[in-house]
């Protein structure tokens, strides 16, 4: 199996939280990687104002504490630019 770069993982995280905020556990399943990788990449994305991470004391689905990751306006702009580059509009 080929190791994915953190760049690709970050892009998948942004794409996943574009529609709805997601917990670290949900991102683990959707991005198909481990908790530590998700947590580290989300924290780095937060430093660059691409996502916002909120601590939730009691998640509505399971009642356990969790972190909820949502995309920021800057993150949406980043995804938009990626699509434009890929389609050759830039």
PDB file of N, CA and C in Angstrom:
ATOM      1  N   UNK A   1       0.835  -1.182   0.000  1.00  0.00           N
ATOM      2  CA  UNK A   1       0.000   0.000   0.000  1.00  0.00           C
ATOM      3  C   UNK A   1       0.881   1.246   0.000  1.00  0.00           C
ATOM      4  N   UNK A   2       0.546   2.191  -0.823  1.00  0.00           N
ATOM      5  CA  UNK A   2       1.308   3.425  -0.945  1.00  0.00           C
ATOM      6  C   UNK A   2       0.880   4.391   0.155  1.00  0.00           C
ATOM      7  N   UNK A   3       1.852   4.973   0.827  1.00  0.00           N
ATOM      8  CA  UNK A   3       1.563   5.938   1.879  1.00  0.00           C
ATOM      9  C   UNK A   3       1.098   7.245   1.241  1.00  0.00           C
ATOM     10  N   UNK A   4      -0.017   7.781   1.752  1.00  0.00           N
ATOM     11  CA  UNK A   4      -0.521   9.055   1.246  1.00  0.00           C
ATOM     12  C   UNK A   4       0.190  10.211   1.933  1.00  0.00           C
ATOM     13  N   UNK A   5       0.381  11.275   1.215  1.00  0.00           N
ATOM     14  CA  UNK A   5       1.016  12.449   1.816  1.00  0.00           C
ATOM     15  C   UNK A   5       0.015  13.181   2.699  1.00  0.00           C
ATOM     16  N   UNK A   6       0.522  13.961   3.633  1.00  0.00           N
ATOM     17  CA  UNK A   6      -0.372  14.716   4.508  1.00  0.00           C
ATOM     18  C   UNK A   6      -1.161  15.748   3.699  1.00  0.00           C
ATOM     19  N   UNK A   7      -0.606  16.175   2.579  1.00  0.00           N
ATOM     20  CA  UNK A   7      -1.301  17.106   1.688  1.00  0.00           C
ATOM     21  C   UNK A   7      -2.602  16.485   1.183  1.00  0.00           C
ATOM     22  N   UNK A   8      -2.555  15.244   0.767  1.00  0.00           N
ATOM     23  CA  UNK A   8      -3.743  14.538   0.263  1.00  0.00           C
ATOM     24  C   UNK A   8      -4.734  14.306   1.408  1.00  0.00           C
ATOM     25  N   UNK A   9      -4.229  13.947   2.586  1.00  0.00           N
ATOM     26  CA  UNK A   9      -5.105  13.723   3.738  1.00  0.00           C
ATOM     27  C   UNK A   9      -5.810  15.016   4.134  1.00  0.00           C
ATOM     28  N   UNK A  10      -5.088  16.128   4.140  1.00  0.00           N
ATOM     29  CA  UNK A  10      -5.693  17.417   4.474  1.00  0.00           C
ATOM     30  C   UNK A  10      -6.781  17.785   3.468  1.00  0.00           C
ATOM     31  N   UNK A  11      -6.528  17.534   2.196  1.00  0.00           N
ATOM     32  CA  UNK A  11      -7.528  17.823   1.170  1.00  0.00           C
ATOM     33  C   UNK A  11      -8.787  16.982   1.393  1.00  0.00           C
ATOM     34  N   UNK A  12      -8.625  15.714   1.733  1.00  0.00           N
ATOM     35  CA  UNK A  12      -9.771  14.842   1.991  1.00  0.00           C
ATOM     36  C   UNK A  12     -10.543  15.296   3.231  1.00  0.00           C
ATOM     37  N   UNK A  13      -9.825  15.773   4.241  1.00  0.00           N
ATOM     38  CA  UNK A  13     -10.488  16.305   5.432  1.00  0.00           C
ATOM     39  C   UNK A  13     -11.340  17.508   5.054  1.00  0.00           C
ATOM     40  N   UNK A  14     -10.772  18.431   4.291  1.00  0.00           N
ATOM     41  CA  UNK A  14     -11.517  19.623   3.869  1.00  0.00           C
ATOM     42  C   UNK A  14     -12.746  19.238   3.041  1.00  0.00           C
ATOM     43  N   UNK A  15     -12.587  18.299   2.129  1.00  0.00           N
ATOM     44  CA  UNK A  15     -13.715  17.863   1.312  1.00  0.00           C
ATOM     45  C   UNK A  15     -14.806  17.223   2.167  1.00  0.00           C
ATOM     46  N   UNK A  16     -14.408  16.476   3.180  1.00  0.00           N
ATOM     47  CA  UNK A  16     -15.370  15.783   4.034  1.00  0.00           C
ATOM     48  C   UNK A  16     -16.168  16.759   4.893  1.00  0.00           C
ATOM     49  N   UNK A  17     -15.520  17.764   5.457  1.00  0.00           N
ATOM     50  CA  UNK A  17     -16.227  18.701   6.337  1.00  0.00           C
ATOM     51  C   UNK A  17     -16.837  19.875   5.576  1.00  0.00           C
ATOM     52  N   UNK A  18     -16.693  19.868   4.258  1.00  0.00           N
ATOM     53  CA  UNK A  18     -17.259  20.956   3.449  1.00  0.00           C
ATOM     54  C   UNK A  18     -18.772  21.042   3.627  1.00  0.00           C
ATOM     55  N   UNK A  19     -19.461  19.917   3.606  1.00  0.00           N
ATOM     56  CA  UNK A  19     -20.920  19.906   3.715  1.00  0.00           C
ATOM     57  C   UNK A  19     -21.402  19.966   5.164  1.00  0.00           C
ATOM     58  N   UNK A  20     -20.831  19.116   6.013  1.00  0.00           N
ATOM     59  CA  UNK A  20     -21.261  19.033   7.413  1.00  0.00           C
ATOM     60  C   UNK A  20     -20.057  18.867   8.324  1.00  0.00           C
ATOM     61  N   UNK A  21     -20.089  19.488   9.502  1.00  0.00           N
ATOM     62  CA  UNK A  21     -19.022  19.253  10.473  1.00  0.00           C
ATOM     63  C   UNK A  21     -18.947  17.764  10.826  1.00  0.00           C
ATOM     64  N   UNK A  22     -17.755  17.304  11.180  1.00  0.00           N
ATOM     65  CA  UNK A  22     -17.559  15.888  11.500  1.00  0.00           C
ATOM     66  C   UNK A  22     -16.647  15.749  12.706  1.00  0.00           C
ATOM     67  N   UNK A  23     -16.826  14.667  13.444  1.00  0.00           N
ATOM     68  CA  UNK A  23     -15.951  14.369  14.575  1.00  0.00           C
ATOM     69  C   UNK A  23     -14.675  13.715  14.060  1.00  0.00           C
ATOM     70  N   UNK A  24     -13.671  13.648  14.936  1.00  0.00           N
ATOM     71  CA  UNK A  24     -12.440  12.949  14.564  1.00  0.00           C
ATOM     72  C   UNK A  24     -12.744  11.505  14.175  1.00  0.00           C
ATOM     73  N   UNK A  25     -13.637  10.854  14.911  1.00  0.00           N
ATOM     74  CA  UNK A  25     -13.970   9.452  14.636  1.00  0.00           C
ATOM     75  C   UNK A  25     -14.608   9.301  13.251  1.00  0.00           C
ATOM     76  N   UNK A  26     -15.509  10.202  12.900  1.00  0.00           N
ATOM     77  CA  UNK A  26     -16.137  10.147  11.575  1.00  0.00           C
ATOM     78  C   UNK A  26     -15.102  10.389  10.478  1.00  0.00           C
ATOM     79  N   UNK A  27     -14.178  11.323  10.725  1.00  0.00           N
ATOM     80  CA  UNK A  27     -13.123  11.594   9.745  1.00  0.00           C
ATOM     81  C   UNK A  27     -12.200  10.396   9.588  1.00  0.00           C
ATOM     82  N   UNK A  28     -11.930   9.703  10.687  1.00  0.00           N
ATOM     83  CA  UNK A  28     -11.111   8.480  10.606  1.00  0.00           C
ATOM     84  C   UNK A  28     -11.699   7.511   9.598  1.00  0.00           C
ATOM     85  N   UNK A  29     -12.996   7.287   9.698  1.00  0.00           N
ATOM     86  CA  UNK A  29     -13.665   6.331   8.810  1.00  0.00           C
ATOM     87  C   UNK A  29     -13.736   6.844   7.375  1.00  0.00           C
ATOM     88  N   UNK A  30     -14.064   8.117   7.194  1.00  0.00           N
ATOM     89  CA  UNK A  30     -14.255   8.655   5.843  1.00  0.00           C
ATOM     90  C   UNK A  30     -12.945   8.867   5.097  1.00  0.00           C
ATOM     91  N   UNK A  31     -11.893   9.248   5.816  1.00  0.00           N
ATOM     92  CA  UNK A  31     -10.592   9.491   5.187  1.00  0.00           C
ATOM     93  C   UNK A  31      -9.756   8.214   5.165  1.00  0.00           C
ATOM     94  N   UNK A  32     -10.180   7.242   5.977  1.00  0.00           N
ATOM     95  CA  UNK A  32      -9.516   5.941   6.049  1.00  0.00           C
ATOM     96  C   UNK A  32      -8.078   6.056   6.557  1.00  0.00           C
ATOM     97  N   UNK A  33      -7.963   6.658   7.739  1.00  0.00           N
ATOM     98  CA  UNK A  33      -6.664   6.786   8.393  1.00  0.00           C
ATOM     99  C   UNK A  33      -6.869   6.798   9.904  1.00  0.00           C
ATOM    100  N   UNK A  34      -5.793   6.815  10.672  1.00  0.00           N
ATOM    101  CA  UNK A  34      -5.863   6.715  12.121  1.00  0.00           C
ATOM    102  C   UNK A  34      -6.200   8.010  12.830  1.00  0.00           C
ATOM    103  N   UNK A  35      -6.576   7.845  14.094  1.00  0.00           N
ATOM    104  CA  UNK A  35      -6.976   8.974  14.934  1.00  0.00           C
ATOM    105  C   UNK A  35      -5.878  10.017  15.039  1.00  0.00           C
ATOM    106  N   UNK A  36      -4.663   9.577  15.332  1.00  0.00           N
ATOM    107  CA  UNK A  36      -3.549  10.514  15.522  1.00  0.00           C
ATOM    108  C   UNK A  36      -3.285  11.322  14.245  1.00  0.00           C
ATOM    109  N   UNK A  37      -3.364  10.670  13.098  1.00  0.00           N
ATOM    110  CA  UNK A  37      -3.151  11.361  11.821  1.00  0.00           C
ATOM    111  C   UNK A  37      -4.232  12.413  11.603  1.00  0.00           C
ATOM    112  N   UNK A  38      -5.474  12.039  11.884  1.00  0.00           N
ATOM    113  CA  UNK A  38      -6.586  12.989  11.734  1.00  0.00           C
ATOM    114  C   UNK A  38      -6.397  14.170  12.675  1.00  0.00           C
ATOM    115  N   UNK A  39      -6.113  13.879  13.935  1.00  0.00           N
ATOM    116  CA  UNK A  39      -5.959  14.935  14.938  1.00  0.00           C
ATOM    117  C   UNK A  39      -4.826  15.891  14.568  1.00  0.00           C
ATOM    118  N   UNK A  40      -3.675  15.352  14.204  1.00  0.00           N
ATOM    119  CA  UNK A  40      -2.528  16.202  13.848  1.00  0.00           C
ATOM    120  C   UNK A  40      -2.814  17.063  12.624  1.00  0.00           C
ATOM    121  N   UNK A  41      -3.415  16.462  11.596  1.00  0.00           N
ATOM    122  CA  UNK A  41      -3.704  17.219  10.376  1.00  0.00           C
ATOM    123  C   UNK A  41      -4.780  18.270  10.604  1.00  0.00           C
ATOM    124  N   UNK A  42      -5.794  17.952  11.414  1.00  0.00           N
ATOM    125  CA  UNK A  42      -6.831  18.935  11.724  1.00  0.00           C
ATOM    126  C   UNK A  42      -6.257  20.100  12.520  1.00  0.00           C
ATOM    127  N   UNK A  43      -5.377  19.802  13.466  1.00  0.00           N
ATOM    128  CA  UNK A  43      -4.747  20.870  14.249  1.00  0.00           C
ATOM    129  C   UNK A  43      -3.899  21.775  13.363  1.00  0.00           C
ATOM    130  N   UNK A  44      -3.208  21.177  12.401  1.00  0.00           N
ATOM    131  CA  UNK A  44      -2.420  21.999  11.479  1.00  0.00           C
ATOM    132  C   UNK A  44      -3.332  22.848  10.588  1.00  0.00           C
ATOM    133  N   UNK A  45      -4.417  22.257  10.105  1.00  0.00           N
ATOM    134  CA  UNK A  45      -5.369  23.024   9.299  1.00  0.00           C
ATOM    135  C   UNK A  45      -5.978  24.171  10.110  1.00  0.00           C
ATOM    136  N   UNK A  46      -6.192  23.935  11.404  1.00  0.00           N
ATOM    137  CA  UNK A  46      -6.746  24.990  12.256  1.00  0.00           C
ATOM    138  C   UNK A  46      -5.754  26.139  12.419  1.00  0.00           C
ATOM    139  N   UNK A  47      -4.463  25.838  12.504  1.00  0.00           N
ATOM    140  CA  UNK A  47      -3.454  26.884  12.616  1.00  0.00           C
ATOM    141  C   UNK A  47      -3.454  27.796  11.393  1.00  0.00           C
ATOM    142  N   UNK A  48      -3.819  27.244  10.243  1.00  0.00           N
ATOM    143  CA  UNK A  48      -3.861  28.028   9.011  1.00  0.00           C
ATOM    144  C   UNK A  48      -5.274  28.512   8.688  1.00  0.00           C
ATOM    145  N   UNK A  49      -6.165  28.470   9.682  1.00  0.00           N
ATOM    146  CA  UNK A  49      -7.538  28.958   9.566  1.00  0.00           C
ATOM    147  C   UNK A  49      -8.320  28.286   8.429  1.00  0.00           C
ATOM    148  N   UNK A  50      -8.054  27.001   8.202  1.00  0.00           N
ATOM    149  CA  UNK A  50      -8.783  26.244   7.185  1.00  0.00           C
ATOM    150  C   UNK A  50      -9.990  25.538   7.803  1.00  0.00           C
ATOM    151  N   UNK A  51      -9.852  25.131   9.064  1.00  0.00           N
ATOM    152  CA  UNK A  51     -10.948  24.490   9.790  1.00  0.00           C
ATOM    153  C   UNK A  51     -11.032  25.081  11.190  1.00  0.00           C
ATOM    154  N   UNK A  52     -12.151  24.814  11.848  1.00  0.00           N
ATOM    155  CA  UNK A  52     -12.345  25.202  13.241  1.00  0.00           C
ATOM    156  C   UNK A  52     -12.652  23.932  14.018  1.00  0.00           C
ATOM    157  N   UNK A  53     -11.987  23.742  15.160  1.00  0.00           N
ATOM    158  CA  UNK A  53     -12.194  22.564  15.987  1.00  0.00           C
ATOM    159  C   UNK A  53     -12.864  23.005  17.281  1.00  0.00           C
ATOM    160  N   UNK A  54     -14.034  22.425  17.558  1.00  0.00           N
ATOM    161  CA  UNK A  54     -14.774  22.730  18.781  1.00  0.00           C
ATOM    162  C   UNK A  54     -14.850  21.487  19.655  1.00  0.00           C
ATOM    163  N   UNK A  55     -14.655  21.674  20.956  1.00  0.00           N
ATOM    164  CA  UNK A  55     -14.814  20.573  21.902  1.00  0.00           C
ATOM    165  C   UNK A  55     -16.286  20.500  22.294  1.00  0.00           C
ATOM    166  N   UNK A  56     -16.861  19.309  22.197  1.00  0.00           N
ATOM    167  CA  UNK A  56     -18.258  19.089  22.564  1.00  0.00           C
ATOM    168  C   UNK A  56     -18.273  18.165  23.776  1.00  0.00           C
ATOM    169  N   UNK A  57     -18.821  18.642  24.887  1.00  0.00           N
ATOM    170  CA  UNK A  57     -18.830  17.840  26.116  1.00  0.00           C
ATOM    171  C   UNK A  57     -19.653  16.568  25.961  1.00  0.00           C
ATOM    172  N   UNK A  58     -20.779  16.670  25.239  1.00  0.00           N
ATOM    173  CA  UNK A  58     -21.651  15.521  25.089  1.00  0.00           C
ATOM    174  C   UNK A  58     -22.170  15.480  23.653  1.00  0.00           C
ATOM    175  N   UNK A  59     -21.603  14.595  22.859  1.00  0.00           N
ATOM    176  CA  UNK A  59     -22.019  14.466  21.464  1.00  0.00           C
ATOM    177  C   UNK A  59     -23.448  13.929  21.423  1.00  0.00           C
ATOM    178  N   UNK A  60     -24.328  14.518  20.598  1.00  0.00           N
ATOM    179  CA  UNK A  60     -25.728  14.086  20.574  1.00  0.00           C
ATOM    180  C   UNK A  60     -25.922  12.614  20.187  1.00  0.00           C
ATOM    181  N   UNK A  61     -25.049  12.075  19.364  1.00  0.00           N
ATOM    182  CA  UNK A  61     -25.223  10.700  18.885  1.00  0.00           C
ATOM    183  C   UNK A  61     -24.884   9.655  19.946  1.00  0.00           C
ATOM    184  N   UNK A  62     -23.819   9.913  20.732  1.00  0.00           N
ATOM    185  CA  UNK A  62     -23.394   8.873  21.672  1.00  0.00           C
ATOM    186  C   UNK A  62     -23.200   9.359  23.110  1.00  0.00           C
ATOM    187  N   UNK A  63     -23.372  10.644  23.346  1.00  0.00           N
ATOM    188  CA  UNK A  63     -23.258  11.174  24.697  1.00  0.00           C
ATOM    189  C   UNK A  63     -21.849  11.293  25.237  1.00  0.00           C
ATOM    190  N   UNK A  64     -20.854  11.047  24.407  1.00  0.00           N
ATOM    191  CA  UNK A  64     -19.460  11.101  24.845  1.00  0.00           C
ATOM    192  C   UNK A  64     -18.815  12.417  24.419  1.00  0.00           C
ATOM    193  N   UNK A  65     -17.777  12.840  25.134  1.00  0.00           N
ATOM    194  CA  UNK A  65     -17.054  14.042  24.707  1.00  0.00           C
ATOM    195  C   UNK A  65     -16.364  13.792  23.364  1.00  0.00           C
ATOM    196  N   UNK A  66     -16.318  14.825  22.533  1.00  0.00           N
ATOM    197  CA  UNK A  66     -15.661  14.671  21.234  1.00  0.00           C
ATOM    198  C   UNK A  66     -15.253  16.034  20.692  1.00  0.00           C
ATOM    199  N   UNK A  67     -14.546  16.002  19.576  1.00  0.00           N
ATOM    200  CA  UNK A  67     -14.140  17.220  18.883  1.00  0.00           C
ATOM    201  C   UNK A  67     -14.892  17.276  17.567  1.00  0.00           C
ATOM    202  N   UNK A  68     -15.439  18.446  17.251  1.00  0.00           N
ATOM    203  CA  UNK A  68     -16.194  18.633  16.027  1.00  0.00           C
ATOM    204  C   UNK A  68     -15.402  19.557  15.103  1.00  0.00           C
ATOM    205  N   UNK A  69     -15.124  19.087  13.900  1.00  0.00           N
ATOM    206  CA  UNK A  69     -14.323  19.839  12.935  1.00  0.00           C
ATOM    207  C   UNK A  69     -15.253  20.419  11.877  1.00  0.00           C
ATOM    208  N   UNK A  70     -15.155  21.727  11.655  1.00  0.00           N
ATOM    209  CA  UNK A  70     -15.950  22.378  10.613  1.00  0.00           C
ATOM    210  C   UNK A  70     -15.027  23.241   9.757  1.00  0.00           C
ATOM    211  N   UNK A  71     -15.433  23.449   8.518  1.00  0.00           N
ATOM    212  CA  UNK A  71     -14.605  24.207   7.577  1.00  0.00           C
ATOM    213  C   UNK A  71     -14.862  25.703   7.752  1.00  0.00           C
ATOM    214  N   UNK A  72     -13.842  26.504   7.508  1.00  0.00           N
ATOM    215  CA  UNK A  72     -13.979  27.959   7.573  1.00  0.00           C
ATOM    216  C   UNK A  72     -14.114  28.507   6.152  1.00  0.00           C
ATOM    217  N   UNK A  73     -14.362  29.783   6.057  1.00  0.00           N
ATOM    218  CA  UNK A  73     -14.468  30.433   4.749  1.00  0.00           C
ATOM    219  C   UNK A  73     -13.156  30.298   3.973  1.00  0.00           C
ATOM    220  N   UNK A  74     -12.063  30.412   4.683  1.00  0.00           N
ATOM    221  CA  UNK A  74     -10.749  30.269   4.047  1.00  0.00           C
ATOM    222  C   UNK A  74     -10.551  28.851   3.494  1.00  0.00           C
ATOM    223  N   UNK A  75     -11.021  27.849   4.231  1.00  0.00           N
ATOM    224  CA  UNK A  75     -10.947  26.474   3.769  1.00  0.00           C
ATOM    225  C   UNK A  75     -11.780  26.261   2.517  1.00  0.00           C
ATOM    226  N   UNK A  76     -12.969  26.866   2.479  1.00  0.00           N
ATOM    227  CA  UNK A  76     -13.817  26.770   1.282  1.00  0.00           C
ATOM    228  C   UNK A  76     -13.135  27.403   0.074  1.00  0.00           C
ATOM    229  N   UNK A  77     -12.486  28.544   0.301  1.00  0.00           N
ATOM    230  CA  UNK A  77     -11.763  29.209  -0.794  1.00  0.00           C
ATOM    231  C   UNK A  77     -10.604  28.348  -1.296  1.00  0.00           C
ATOM    232  N   UNK A  78      -9.926  27.663  -0.388  1.00  0.00           N
ATOM    233  CA  UNK A  78      -8.828  26.774  -0.771  1.00  0.00           C
ATOM    234  C   UNK A  78      -9.337  25.662  -1.677  1.00  0.00           C
ATOM    235  N   UNK A  79     -10.456  25.041  -1.299  1.00  0.00           N
ATOM    236  CA  UNK A  79     -11.019  23.975  -2.133  1.00  0.00           C
ATOM    237  C   UNK A  79     -11.452  24.503  -3.492  1.00  0.00           C
ATOM    238  N   UNK A  80     -12.021  25.687  -3.508  1.00  0.00           N
ATOM    239  CA  UNK A  80     -12.471  26.295  -4.766  1.00  0.00           C
ATOM    240  C   UNK A  80     -11.275  26.530  -5.703  1.00  0.00           C
ATOM    241  N   UNK A  81     -10.175  27.026  -5.152  1.00  0.00           N
ATOM    242  CA  UNK A  81      -8.974  27.265  -5.955  1.00  0.00           C
ATOM    243  C   UNK A  81      -8.406  25.963  -6.508  1.00  0.00           C
ATOM    244  N   UNK A  82      -8.461  24.889  -5.707  1.00  0.00           N
ATOM    245  CA  UNK A  82      -7.971  23.587  -6.174  1.00  0.00           C
ATOM    246  C   UNK A  82      -8.764  23.107  -7.381  1.00  0.00           C
ATOM    247  N   UNK A  83     -10.075  23.262  -7.321  1.00  0.00           N
ATOM    248  CA  UNK A  83     -10.937  22.839  -8.427  1.00  0.00           C
ATOM    249  C   UNK A  83     -10.622  23.657  -9.674  1.00  0.00           C
ATOM    250  N   UNK A  84     -10.428  24.953  -9.492  1.00  0.00           N
ATOM    251  CA  UNK A  84     -10.110  25.826 -10.629  1.00  0.00           C
ATOM    252  C   UNK A  84      -8.777  25.450 -11.256  1.00  0.00           C
ATOM    253  N   UNK A  85      -7.784  25.149 -10.425  1.00  0.00           N
ATOM    254  CA  UNK A  85      -6.477  24.753 -10.953  1.00  0.00           C
ATOM    255  C   UNK A  85      -6.559  23.476 -11.741  1.00  0.00           C
ATOM    256  N   UNK A  86      -7.306  22.524 -11.221  1.00  0.00           N
ATOM    257  CA  UNK A  86      -7.430  21.227 -11.886  1.00  0.00           C
ATOM    258  C   UNK A  86      -8.167  21.345 -13.221  1.00  0.00           C
ATOM    259  N   UNK A  87      -9.093  22.284 -13.305  1.00  0.00           N
ATOM    260  CA  UNK A  87      -9.849  22.427 -14.549  1.00  0.00           C
ATOM    261  C   UNK A  87      -9.154  23.377 -15.523  1.00  0.00           C
ATOM    262  N   UNK A  88      -8.031  23.977 -15.096  1.00  0.00           N
ATOM    263  CA  UNK A  88      -7.234  24.815 -15.974  1.00  0.00           C
ATOM    264  C   UNK A  88      -7.717  26.237 -16.107  1.00  0.00           C
ATOM    265  N   UNK A  89      -8.510  26.723 -15.160  1.00  0.00           N
ATOM    266  CA  UNK A  89      -9.042  28.082 -15.231  1.00  0.00           C
ATOM    267  C   UNK A  89      -8.078  29.129 -14.693  1.00  0.00           C
ATOM    268  N   UNK A  90      -7.054  28.715 -13.974  1.00  0.00           N
ATOM    269  CA  UNK A  90      -6.146  29.674 -13.355  1.00  0.00           C
ATOM    270  C   UNK A  90      -5.047  30.084 -14.295  1.00  0.00           C
TER     271      UNK A  90
END
